[in-house]
Amino acid sequence: MGDPGNGFLDLRTLPAEQRSRFMNSVANGKNSMPPCRSVLTTEEIGDLFIYVINAGNTLEAHTR
């Protein structure tokens, strides 16, 4: 889960219950992904989480 084989954490694959992991990964960076805490507020990262989780669920539903 999470690494599509290119060293990047695929945040779309995180389950909704791993919100804190998403928040930490976006704020502090993970693997090759740079930190975004200087660009995004905590609220904006939370909004991004909701968007990514919803988009991932929509994509999953369309690929079944």
C-alpha atoms as a PDB file:
ATOM      1  CA  MET A   1       0.000   0.000   0.000  1.00  0.00           C
ATOM      2  CA  GLY A   2       1.115   3.497  -0.687  1.00  0.00           C
ATOM      3  CA  ASP A   3       4.179   2.984  -2.893  1.00  0.00           C
ATOM      4  CA  PRO A   4       3.404   2.458  -6.583  1.00  0.00           C
ATOM      5  CA  GLY A   5       6.972   1.299  -7.144  1.00  0.00           C
ATOM      6  CA  ASN A   6       8.591   4.650  -7.871  1.00  0.00           C
ATOM      7  CA  GLY A   7       9.513   5.651  -4.314  1.00  0.00           C
ATOM      8  CA  PHE A   8       6.519   7.947  -3.876  1.00  0.00           C
ATOM      9  CA  LEU A   9       3.869   7.523  -1.230  1.00  0.00           C
ATOM     10  CA  ASP A  10       0.547   7.327  -3.084  1.00  0.00           C
ATOM     11  CA  LEU A  11      -1.683   9.235  -0.673  1.00  0.00           C
ATOM     12  CA  ARG A  12      -4.778   8.120  -2.598  1.00  0.00           C
ATOM     13  CA  THR A  13      -4.275   4.608  -1.248  1.00  0.00           C
ATOM     14  CA  LEU A  14      -4.416   5.541   2.430  1.00  0.00           C
ATOM     15  CA  PRO A  15      -7.608   4.423   4.170  1.00  0.00           C
ATOM     16  CA  ALA A  16      -9.792   7.196   5.599  1.00  0.00           C
ATOM     17  CA  GLU A  17      -8.943   6.069   9.136  1.00  0.00           C
ATOM     18  CA  GLN A  18      -5.294   6.986   8.541  1.00  0.00           C
ATOM     19  CA  ARG A  19      -5.995  10.735   8.451  1.00  0.00           C
ATOM     20  CA  SER A  20      -3.166  11.510  10.884  1.00  0.00           C
ATOM     21  CA  ARG A  21      -0.669   9.642   8.671  1.00  0.00           C
ATOM     22  CA  PHE A  22      -1.846  11.656   5.646  1.00  0.00           C
ATOM     23  CA  MET A  23      -1.641  14.934   7.579  1.00  0.00           C
ATOM     24  CA  ASN A  24       1.878  14.123   8.795  1.00  0.00           C
ATOM     25  CA  SER A  25       3.079  12.974   5.357  1.00  0.00           C
ATOM     26  CA  VAL A  26       1.837  16.119   3.624  1.00  0.00           C
ATOM     27  CA  ALA A  27       3.011  18.518   6.336  1.00  0.00           C
ATOM     28  CA  ASN A  28       6.451  16.963   6.897  1.00  0.00           C
ATOM     29  CA  GLY A  29       7.107  15.215   3.584  1.00  0.00           C
ATOM     30  CA  LYS A  30       7.613  11.524   2.945  1.00  0.00           C
ATOM     31  CA  ASN A  31      10.144   9.694   0.786  1.00  0.00           C
ATOM     32  CA  SER A  32      10.666  11.953  -2.258  1.00  0.00           C
ATOM     33  CA  MET A  33       7.711  14.216  -1.451  1.00  0.00           C
ATOM     34  CA  PRO A  34       8.798  17.567   0.013  1.00  0.00           C
ATOM     35  CA  PRO A  35       7.096  19.029   3.099  1.00  0.00           C
ATOM     36  CA  CYS A  36       4.166  21.367   2.454  1.00  0.00           C
ATOM     37  CA  ARG A  37       3.723  22.860   5.935  1.00  0.00           C
ATOM     38  CA  SER A  38       5.224  26.169   4.817  1.00  0.00           C
ATOM     39  CA  VAL A  39       2.726  26.403   1.948  1.00  0.00           C
ATOM     40  CA  LEU A  40      -0.465  24.851   3.364  1.00  0.00           C
ATOM     41  CA  THR A  41      -2.177  25.436   6.690  1.00  0.00           C
ATOM     42  CA  THR A  42      -3.326  22.489   8.804  1.00  0.00           C
ATOM     43  CA  GLU A  43      -6.902  23.270   7.748  1.00  0.00           C
ATOM     44  CA  GLU A  44      -5.916  23.232   4.063  1.00  0.00           C
ATOM     45  CA  ILE A  45      -4.149  19.885   4.494  1.00  0.00           C
ATOM     46  CA  GLY A  46      -7.314  18.566   6.145  1.00  0.00           C
ATOM     47  CA  ASP A  47      -9.365  19.817   3.187  1.00  0.00           C
ATOM     48  CA  LEU A  48      -6.905  18.141   0.828  1.00  0.00           C
ATOM     49  CA  PHE A  49      -7.328  14.884   2.756  1.00  0.00           C
ATOM     50  CA  ILE A  50     -11.109  15.019   2.293  1.00  0.00           C
ATOM     51  CA  TYR A  51     -10.684  15.743  -1.417  1.00  0.00           C
ATOM     52  CA  VAL A  52      -8.162  12.923  -1.966  1.00  0.00           C
ATOM     53  CA  ILE A  53     -10.207  10.369   0.000  1.00  0.00           C
ATOM     54  CA  ASN A  54     -13.385  11.282  -1.894  1.00  0.00           C
ATOM     55  CA  ALA A  55     -11.609  11.267  -5.257  1.00  0.00           C
ATOM     56  CA  GLY A  56     -10.025   7.919  -4.459  1.00  0.00           C
ATOM     57  CA  ASN A  57     -13.378   6.414  -3.537  1.00  0.00           C
ATOM     58  CA  THR A  58     -14.930   7.755  -6.734  1.00  0.00           C
ATOM     59  CA  LEU A  59     -12.075   6.376  -8.835  1.00  0.00           C
ATOM     60  CA  GLU A  60     -12.288   2.995  -7.103  1.00  0.00           C
ATOM     61  CA  ALA A  61     -16.031   2.805  -7.750  1.00  0.00           C
ATOM     62  CA  HIS A  62     -15.503   3.494 -11.460  1.00  0.00           C
ATOM     63  CA  THR A  63     -12.789   0.860 -11.874  1.00  0.00           C
ATOM     64  CA  ARG A  64     -14.848  -2.025 -10.496  1.00  0.00           C
END
